[in-house]
Every structure is written in C-alpha cells, then in structure tokens.
C-alpha atoms as a PDB file:
ATOM      1  CA  UNK A   1       7.918  18.400  40.381  1.00  0.00           C
ATOM      2  CA  UNK A   2       7.835  14.700  39.583  1.00  0.00           C
ATOM      3  CA  UNK A   3      10.739  13.521  37.493  1.00  0.00           C
ATOM      4  CA  UNK A   4      10.782  10.541  35.194  1.00  0.00           C
ATOM      5  CA  UNK A   5      14.193   8.971  34.700  1.00  0.00           C
ATOM      6  CA  UNK A   6      14.981   8.129  31.091  1.00  0.00           C
ATOM      7  CA  UNK A   7      17.981   8.630  28.863  1.00  0.00           C
ATOM      8  CA  UNK A   8      16.728  12.148  28.071  1.00  0.00           C
ATOM      9  CA  UNK A   9      15.276  12.818  31.517  1.00  0.00           C
ATOM     10  CA  UNK A  10      15.170  16.590  31.006  1.00  0.00           C
ATOM     11  CA  UNK A  11      12.424  16.113  28.406  1.00  0.00           C
ATOM     12  CA  UNK A  12      10.099  14.552  30.982  1.00  0.00           C
ATOM     13  CA  UNK A  13      10.205  17.147  33.751  1.00  0.00           C
ATOM     14  CA  UNK A  14       6.458  17.249  34.478  1.00  0.00           C
ATOM     15  CA  UNK A  15       4.587  18.600  37.488  1.00  0.00           C
ATOM     16  CA  UNK A  16       1.733  16.614  39.027  1.00  0.00           C
ATOM     17  CA  UNK A  17      -0.729  19.387  38.148  1.00  0.00           C
ATOM     18  CA  UNK A  18       0.151  18.950  34.470  1.00  0.00           C
ATOM     19  CA  UNK A  19      -1.069  15.365  34.677  1.00  0.00           C
ATOM     20  CA  UNK A  20      -4.492  16.335  36.084  1.00  0.00           C
ATOM     21  CA  UNK A  21      -6.363  16.081  32.803  1.00  0.00           C
ATOM     22  CA  UNK A  22      -9.844  16.087  34.360  1.00  0.00           C
ATOM     23  CA  UNK A  23      -9.365  19.492  35.985  1.00  0.00           C
ATOM     24  CA  UNK A  24      -7.764  20.851  32.819  1.00  0.00           C
ATOM     25  CA  UNK A  25     -10.656  19.730  30.617  1.00  0.00           C
ATOM     26  CA  UNK A  26     -13.183  20.889  33.210  1.00  0.00           C
ATOM     27  CA  UNK A  27     -11.621  24.332  33.122  1.00  0.00           C
ATOM     28  CA  UNK A  28     -11.811  24.415  29.334  1.00  0.00           C
ATOM     29  CA  UNK A  29     -15.473  23.392  29.438  1.00  0.00           C
ATOM     30  CA  UNK A  30     -16.336  26.172  31.885  1.00  0.00           C
ATOM     31  CA  UNK A  31     -14.504  28.703  29.693  1.00  0.00           C
ATOM     32  CA  UNK A  32     -16.441  27.506  26.641  1.00  0.00           C
ATOM     33  CA  UNK A  33     -19.786  28.185  28.314  1.00  0.00           C
ATOM     34  CA  UNK A  34     -19.004  31.875  28.443  1.00  0.00           C
ATOM     35  CA  UNK A  35     -21.432  34.099  30.327  1.00  0.00           C
ATOM     36  CA  UNK A  36     -23.167  31.301  32.210  1.00  0.00           C
ATOM     37  CA  UNK A  37     -25.486  30.389  29.354  1.00  0.00           C
ATOM     38  CA  UNK A  38     -25.925  26.662  28.974  1.00  0.00           C
ATOM     39  CA  UNK A  39     -25.198  25.509  25.458  1.00  0.00           C
ATOM     40  CA  UNK A  40     -27.845  23.476  23.682  1.00  0.00           C
ATOM     41  CA  UNK A  41     -26.877  19.895  22.984  1.00  0.00           C
ATOM     42  CA  UNK A  42     -26.970  18.708  19.395  1.00  0.00           C
ATOM     43  CA  UNK A  43     -28.735  15.619  20.772  1.00  0.00           C
ATOM     44  CA  UNK A  44     -31.600  17.730  22.133  1.00  0.00           C
ATOM     45  CA  UNK A  45     -34.927  16.190  21.160  1.00  0.00           C
ATOM     46  CA  UNK A  46     -33.327  13.022  19.778  1.00  0.00           C
ATOM     47  CA  UNK A  47     -34.205   9.453  20.711  1.00  0.00           C
ATOM     48  CA  UNK A  48     -31.134   7.245  21.371  1.00  0.00           C
ATOM     49  CA  UNK A  49     -31.772   3.695  20.085  1.00  0.00           C
ATOM     50  CA  UNK A  50     -29.766   0.532  20.722  1.00  0.00           C
ATOM     51  CA  UNK A  51     -28.317  -0.777  17.474  1.00  0.00           C
ATOM     52  CA  UNK A  52     -28.799  -4.474  16.648  1.00  0.00           C
ATOM     53  CA  UNK A  53     -26.077  -5.947  18.853  1.00  0.00           C
ATOM     54  CA  UNK A  54     -25.993  -8.909  21.254  1.00  0.00           C
ATOM     55  CA  UNK A  55     -26.086  -7.883  24.904  1.00  0.00           C
ATOM     56  CA  UNK A  56     -26.917  -9.304  28.296  1.00  0.00           C
ATOM     57  CA  UNK A  57     -27.081  -8.431  31.965  1.00  0.00           C
ATOM     58  CA  UNK A  58     -24.720  -9.561  34.715  1.00  0.00           C
ATOM     59  CA  UNK A  59     -24.061  -8.941  38.397  1.00  0.00           C
ATOM     60  CA  UNK A  60     -26.252  -7.560  41.124  1.00  0.00           C
ATOM     61  CA  UNK A  61     -28.833  -4.815  40.909  1.00  0.00           C
ATOM     62  CA  UNK A  62     -27.532  -1.273  41.414  1.00  0.00           C
ATOM     63  CA  UNK A  63     -29.439   1.991  41.955  1.00  0.00           C
ATOM     64  CA  UNK A  64     -31.830   2.574  39.070  1.00  0.00           C
ATOM     65  CA  UNK A  65     -35.184   4.149  38.271  1.00  0.00           C
ATOM     66  CA  UNK A  66     -38.178   1.811  38.470  1.00  0.00           C
ATOM     67  CA  UNK A  67     -39.019   1.742  34.764  1.00  0.00           C
ATOM     68  CA  UNK A  68     -39.897  -1.041  32.299  1.00  0.00           C
ATOM     69  CA  UNK A  69     -36.767  -2.519  30.709  1.00  0.00           C
ATOM     70  CA  UNK A  70     -34.431  -1.126  33.384  1.00  0.00           C
ATOM     71  CA  UNK A  71     -32.813  -3.572  35.822  1.00  0.00           C
ATOM     72  CA  UNK A  72     -29.851  -1.610  37.183  1.00  0.00           C
ATOM     73  CA  UNK A  73     -27.497  -4.521  36.470  1.00  0.00           C
ATOM     74  CA  UNK A  74     -24.204  -4.335  34.582  1.00  0.00           C
ATOM     75  CA  UNK A  75     -24.390  -4.757  30.794  1.00  0.00           C
ATOM     76  CA  UNK A  76     -22.064  -6.771  28.565  1.00  0.00           C
ATOM     77  CA  UNK A  77     -22.061  -5.994  24.829  1.00  0.00           C
ATOM     78  CA  UNK A  78     -20.711  -8.585  22.422  1.00  0.00           C
ATOM     79  CA  UNK A  79     -20.074  -8.119  18.720  1.00  0.00           C
ATOM     80  CA  UNK A  80     -18.054  -9.986  16.070  1.00  0.00           C
ATOM     81  CA  UNK A  81     -14.539  -8.830  15.330  1.00  0.00           C
ATOM     82  CA  UNK A  82     -13.828  -7.756  11.785  1.00  0.00           C
ATOM     83  CA  UNK A  83     -10.434  -8.844  10.536  1.00  0.00           C
ATOM     84  CA  UNK A  84      -8.496  -7.863   7.479  1.00  0.00           C
ATOM     85  CA  UNK A  85      -6.970 -10.749   5.561  1.00  0.00           C
ATOM     86  CA  UNK A  86      -3.623 -10.857   7.399  1.00  0.00           C
ATOM     87  CA  UNK A  87      -5.296 -10.297  10.789  1.00  0.00           C
ATOM     88  CA  UNK A  88      -7.715 -13.136  10.038  1.00  0.00           C
ATOM     89  CA  UNK A  89      -4.853 -15.523   9.322  1.00  0.00           C
ATOM     90  CA  UNK A  90      -3.111 -14.535  12.551  1.00  0.00           C
ATOM     91  CA  UNK A  91      -6.357 -14.875  14.502  1.00  0.00           C
ATOM     92  CA  UNK A  92      -6.824 -18.438  13.203  1.00  0.00           C
ATOM     93  CA  UNK A  93      -3.232 -19.388  13.993  1.00  0.00           C
ATOM     94  CA  UNK A  94      -3.398 -17.902  17.497  1.00  0.00           C
ATOM     95  CA  UNK A  95      -6.973 -19.116  18.070  1.00  0.00           C
ATOM     96  CA  UNK A  96      -8.154 -15.642  18.958  1.00  0.00           C
ATOM     97  CA  UNK A  97     -11.777 -15.167  19.987  1.00  0.00           C
ATOM     98  CA  UNK A  98     -14.115 -14.226  17.159  1.00  0.00           C
ATOM     99  CA  UNK A  99     -16.194 -11.910  19.320  1.00  0.00           C
ATOM    100  CA  UNK A 100     -15.263  -8.757  21.180  1.00  0.00           C
ATOM    101  CA  UNK A 101     -16.830  -8.361  24.631  1.00  0.00           C
ATOM    102  CA  UNK A 102     -17.331  -4.884  26.060  1.00  0.00           C
ATOM    103  CA  UNK A 103     -18.444  -4.720  29.698  1.00  0.00           C
ATOM    104  CA  UNK A 104     -20.091  -1.419  30.648  1.00  0.00           C
ATOM    105  CA  UNK A 105     -19.690   0.286  34.009  1.00  0.00           C
ATOM    106  CA  UNK A 106     -22.609   1.193  36.298  1.00  0.00           C
ATOM    107  CA  UNK A 107     -23.511   4.506  34.640  1.00  0.00           C
ATOM    108  CA  UNK A 108     -23.091   3.337  31.058  1.00  0.00           C
ATOM    109  CA  UNK A 109     -25.101   0.188  31.829  1.00  0.00           C
ATOM    110  CA  UNK A 110     -28.037   2.282  33.010  1.00  0.00           C
ATOM    111  CA  UNK A 111     -27.591   4.578  30.011  1.00  0.00           C
ATOM    112  CA  UNK A 112     -27.747   1.510  27.716  1.00  0.00           C
ATOM    113  CA  UNK A 113     -30.977   0.280  29.293  1.00  0.00           C
ATOM    114  CA  UNK A 114     -32.563   3.746  29.084  1.00  0.00           C
ATOM    115  CA  UNK A 115     -31.677   4.085  25.371  1.00  0.00           C
ATOM    116  CA  UNK A 116     -34.607   2.112  24.013  1.00  0.00           C
ATOM    117  CA  UNK A 117     -35.711   4.633  21.368  1.00  0.00           C
ATOM    118  CA  UNK A 118     -38.783   5.650  23.359  1.00  0.00           C
ATOM    119  CA  UNK A 119     -37.091   8.147  25.700  1.00  0.00           C
ATOM    120  CA  UNK A 120     -35.707  11.493  24.572  1.00  0.00           C
ATOM    121  CA  UNK A 121     -32.207  12.691  25.353  1.00  0.00           C
ATOM    122  CA  UNK A 122     -33.644  15.114  27.914  1.00  0.00           C
ATOM    123  CA  UNK A 123     -35.605  12.356  29.686  1.00  0.00           C
ATOM    124  CA  UNK A 124     -32.473  10.200  29.855  1.00  0.00           C
ATOM    125  CA  UNK A 125     -30.415  13.091  31.257  1.00  0.00           C
ATOM    126  CA  UNK A 126     -33.070  13.722  33.908  1.00  0.00           C
ATOM    127  CA  UNK A 127     -33.183  10.025  34.923  1.00  0.00           C
ATOM    128  CA  UNK A 128     -29.382   9.788  35.047  1.00  0.00           C
ATOM    129  CA  UNK A 129     -29.210  12.942  37.188  1.00  0.00           C
ATOM    130  CA  UNK A 130     -31.892  11.650  39.590  1.00  0.00           C
ATOM    131  CA  UNK A 131     -30.116   8.303  39.931  1.00  0.00           C
ATOM    132  CA  UNK A 132     -26.479   9.378  40.244  1.00  0.00           C
ATOM    133  CA  UNK A 133     -26.848  13.022  41.498  1.00  0.00           C
ATOM    134  CA  UNK A 134     -23.383  14.495  42.180  1.00  0.00           C
ATOM    135  CA  UNK A 135     -21.571  11.482  40.739  1.00  0.00           C
ATOM    136  CA  UNK A 136     -22.644  12.417  37.191  1.00  0.00           C
ATOM    137  CA  UNK A 137     -22.605  16.230  37.452  1.00  0.00           C
ATOM    138  CA  UNK A 138     -22.807  17.953  34.984  1.00  0.00           C
ATOM    139  CA  UNK A 139     -25.348  15.368  33.845  1.00  0.00           C
ATOM    140  CA  UNK A 140     -26.197  16.744  30.393  1.00  0.00           C
ATOM    141  CA  UNK A 141     -22.582  17.014  29.227  1.00  0.00           C
ATOM    142  CA  UNK A 142     -21.494  13.650  30.607  1.00  0.00           C
ATOM    143  CA  UNK A 143     -24.578  11.857  29.291  1.00  0.00           C
ATOM    144  CA  UNK A 144     -24.089  13.399  25.863  1.00  0.00           C
ATOM    145  CA  UNK A 145     -20.407  12.394  25.818  1.00  0.00           C
ATOM    146  CA  UNK A 146     -21.242   8.784  26.767  1.00  0.00           C
ATOM    147  CA  UNK A 147     -24.038   8.549  24.188  1.00  0.00           C
ATOM    148  CA  UNK A 148     -21.761   9.941  21.474  1.00  0.00           C
ATOM    149  CA  UNK A 149     -19.023   7.448  22.338  1.00  0.00           C
ATOM    150  CA  UNK A 150     -21.465   4.526  22.144  1.00  0.00           C
ATOM    151  CA  UNK A 151     -22.729   5.972  18.854  1.00  0.00           C
ATOM    152  CA  UNK A 152     -19.214   6.307  17.399  1.00  0.00           C
ATOM    153  CA  UNK A 153     -18.569   2.648  18.193  1.00  0.00           C
ATOM    154  CA  UNK A 154     -21.754   1.619  16.394  1.00  0.00           C
ATOM    155  CA  UNK A 155     -23.761   0.551  19.446  1.00  0.00           C
ATOM    156  CA  UNK A 156     -26.305   3.389  19.437  1.00  0.00           C
ATOM    157  CA  UNK A 157     -28.224   5.264  16.771  1.00  0.00           C
ATOM    158  CA  UNK A 158     -30.056   8.588  17.103  1.00  0.00           C
ATOM    159  CA  UNK A 159     -33.430   9.471  15.657  1.00  0.00           C
ATOM    160  CA  UNK A 160     -35.444  12.688  15.639  1.00  0.00           C
ATOM    161  CA  UNK A 161     -38.647  10.652  15.934  1.00  0.00           C
ATOM    162  CA  UNK A 162     -39.636   7.959  18.406  1.00  0.00           C
ATOM    163  CA  UNK A 163     -38.438   4.462  17.480  1.00  0.00           C
ATOM    164  CA  UNK A 164     -41.080   2.300  15.796  1.00  0.00           C
ATOM    165  CA  UNK A 165     -39.513  -1.017  16.871  1.00  0.00           C
ATOM    166  CA  UNK A 166     -38.173  -1.799  13.407  1.00  0.00           C
ATOM    167  CA  UNK A 167     -35.700  -4.258  14.965  1.00  0.00           C
ATOM    168  CA  UNK A 168     -35.565  -5.986  18.334  1.00  0.00           C
ATOM    169  CA  UNK A 169     -33.564  -4.218  21.036  1.00  0.00           C
ATOM    170  CA  UNK A 170     -33.810  -6.713  23.900  1.00  0.00           C
ATOM    171  CA  UNK A 171     -31.069  -8.858  25.454  1.00  0.00           C
ATOM    172  CA  UNK A 172     -29.732 -12.064  23.895  1.00  0.00           C
ATOM    173  CA  UNK A 173     -30.748 -11.215  20.339  1.00  0.00           C
ATOM    174  CA  UNK A 174     -27.956 -11.933  17.896  1.00  0.00           C
ATOM    175  CA  UNK A 175     -28.247  -9.870  14.706  1.00  0.00           C
ATOM    176  CA  UNK A 176     -26.168 -12.506  12.869  1.00  0.00           C
ATOM    177  CA  UNK A 177     -28.877 -15.110  13.608  1.00  0.00           C
ATOM    178  CA  UNK A 178     -26.454 -17.360  15.441  1.00  0.00           C
ATOM    179  CA  UNK A 179     -27.279 -18.478  18.950  1.00  0.00           C
ATOM    180  CA  UNK A 180     -24.643 -18.386  21.627  1.00  0.00           C
ATOM    181  CA  UNK A 181     -24.435 -18.280  25.395  1.00  0.00           C
ATOM    182  CA  UNK A 182     -21.881 -16.548  27.615  1.00  0.00           C
ATOM    183  CA  UNK A 183     -21.416 -17.950  31.126  1.00  0.00           C
ATOM    184  CA  UNK A 184     -22.468 -15.536  33.849  1.00  0.00           C
ATOM    185  CA  UNK A 185     -24.505 -13.339  31.508  1.00  0.00           C
ATOM    186  CA  UNK A 186     -28.285 -13.291  31.827  1.00  0.00           C
ATOM    187  CA  UNK A 187     -30.200 -12.836  28.580  1.00  0.00           C
ATOM    188  CA  UNK A 188     -33.628 -13.394  30.117  1.00  0.00           C
ATOM    189  CA  UNK A 189     -35.959 -10.548  29.202  1.00  0.00           C
ATOM    190  CA  UNK A 190     -37.569  -8.388  31.865  1.00  0.00           C
ATOM    191  CA  UNK A 191     -40.776  -6.393  31.550  1.00  0.00           C
ATOM    192  CA  UNK A 192     -40.254  -3.760  28.871  1.00  0.00           C
ATOM    193  CA  UNK A 193     -37.580  -5.602  26.833  1.00  0.00           C
ATOM    194  CA  UNK A 194     -38.361  -5.960  23.113  1.00  0.00           C
ATOM    195  CA  UNK A 195     -37.518  -9.544  22.131  1.00  0.00           C
ATOM    196  CA  UNK A 196     -40.425 -10.425  19.810  1.00  0.00           C
END
C-alpha cells in the first residue's frame, strides 16, 4: 500500500494496483467483447478527412508506409484560440499567444497524414497495424479512439463517401487566409499533398 500524507491521510490509502488505469480499462474492454466476437466499429466504412486547419511537419522521418502524402515526420497543428470577452481582455493584457499549437506524437502524426479522405477507416487501421505492430495493439480500437479524439477537437471529419477535395488538406494552408510561419516547422508539400 502506498500512502499519501495529507491532513486526512486515511482518505488517500491507495494501493499501486488501484492506480494502474491502463490495465483496469483493458480488463473492462475485454469483458465488453463478450464471447470473443469483435465488435464492429461505428467508423467502419467511413473516410476520415482533415478539417481545414493549419499544420506542418517537423523533426526526422520515423517508420511509415511508402504512400503519397505520408512522410513519417511529426505533425504540429495550429489553430486560433477563441476567447470570451473577459478572457480576451486578459489575453491582451498578458500578451498571450493568439494561436494554440498542438504537437502530435509519432502514431497520431502518421494517423493525421493517413486521414486524407481517400482512405477508409479499415485501410488506416491496417496501415497503422503494419507500421507499429505490437506497439498499437489492438489496432482497431486504438485507431478508432485516436480518430474520435481528433474529431471531437474539430481537427477531423468523417464521411461515408470518399472526399471530393472540396477544401485543401495539405500543410501550411491557413483557413483564415492569413499567412504565417512557425520556426522549425516545414510546410513544404510532398507528393500527394493537396495544396492547390
């Protein structure tokens, strides 16, 4: 038992196993599957599409499939902050940045590059599984969770039909029509990026 010392220390008598959230959630997920049947994802057959948001590549190349528009580099997403009136006043006084930068890790960066609206959820899961093998197991569940999180934050959209390139999805394209540069971030297109 690990004890945390506070004024009411008896309320915080927690064992290390109680803090192992990953194993706990993994156990719940295996119980939910039931008799070994794999549940069908609600994203099955959908085409994840990058929303109009500024993004760029940074760092060195990592393991990745050799596909158009996929570099294997880390991705940085950048979008404007939205302030309420009082927050806006404080932001001006404190000279807070007007943009929020979200760096993606290795797996989410590859997921971002694969989500061009021309690959289905199943194709993306297969490519992620081939690239990261045991590191991403179970690939379908983890890929779905990551896609949903990016969708909830407004970075990805999902379509039941293949994307018709209604908007540009390549790097360095600012949906607010302003042009800006971030040091250390490469916005040069590679083969397969939609910038025109």
